[in-house]
Amino acid sequence: MLNKRPNTLILIGLTASLGLSSCGGGSSSNNTTNDNNTTDSETQTIDSAASICNGQNNFENIPSAYVTALTKYTTTNSQYLVNVCTQDINSDGSADFIVVESTNLPEHESVYYETGHQHQEDFDFETNIHKFSPVYDGSQTAHSAGSNMIEEQAIIMKMPIAPASATIKTATTFATIGIALNGVSFFNENAAPGDNITDELFTFDQCSGHPQNTGIYHYHVDPVCLIRDLGGSIIDQANTEGDSVYTWIEDSGNNAGLLMGFLMDGFPVYGPVGSSETDCNSAAVPSIDSYNGHSHCTGDFSTAIYHYHLKTANIGGTDSSVFWITNQFYYGEPGEVSTN
């Protein structure tokens, strides 16, 4: 189904032994500590690799428990290429990785698309001062992410067929740490030494994303337009200041059961934790752990599976009310990001 735009792809590899390149410049492996990065200078150096899916979807060797969830990669973005397949690296007849390939182009509106693009939509960055008012202290300036604009990519994500908890946890890095269902990169919640990640909030577009300097559009926080497009619950907000009226959308806090994508360790990511989350049987769920996840059945997985939730600071991370993608470490073994 994914012959939408047979252009370049972004390939993200998810394995227990593969390394993930840092956003900060040269290629690097995952470590137990985080490097940091700023908004306008965010970069992602990733190894070159050929497409594995070759523009096709193949669910033949994907475990049945994952088919429902992974099929959403192939149906969410109706315009830009996202493919799912498997890879058998040792030719023993058994798949080793689930592969997601994407051009990393959001189908929703953004001020960061070039003028004339069908999804380009103007945005007043001053809106972010009101949207993120809980973390606005008067020192931040609402502005664009420099000259950064959305550019088509080629990203590959390989997830282990059977993800498991890692004995030694690996730190997330300043690059793609996962892929949302619409094919857009997830980034972590960290900034460069001396910078504050909350300052980056004021460069986000109307959908709470922005591109780094090679054009990789990504989400650090809850992707509100994707939540909307997936049928999640959002709230229309507005604030008046003088003669100006600022409007935006935000998560309602009722989307804990909404699948958003997967991280590179192979575990799914769900919407922001609300006050009344239940499992697939309407039963109470375990408390969120220090990796901002827990295990229970969901609408996509009939048996218990570990999964992350987009998190607020009162569960961990920066002292703010913002829903960040994840915290410092992966729960499972991550892989690597590569591009062709």
Foldseek 3Di string as FASTA:
>chain_A
DFVQDQDAKQQAEWDQPAAAQFQQDDGDGFAQFEAFAALLAGGGDFAADDDDQNREEDCPQAPPLCVLVLVLLVVLAPHFGKYWDFDDPVPPPHTFWIKIMGQQDAPAAWCQADPPDPRDDDFDLVLLCVVFVQPDDPPADQDASPNAHADGFIKMAIEGSDFDFDPRWTWFHQDFFWAWSPGAGEGEQGHHVVDHSVSCQSNATLQQWHAYRVRRIYHFFPRQVSCVSQVHDKDWDWDDDVPDIRIGIDHPQPWQQAWTGDGQNGATETEEHHDLDAAPVSHDADDQDLFQWGWAHGPSGRGIDIHHYQYACVSHDDPGGTRGRTDTTDRTRGHYMHTD
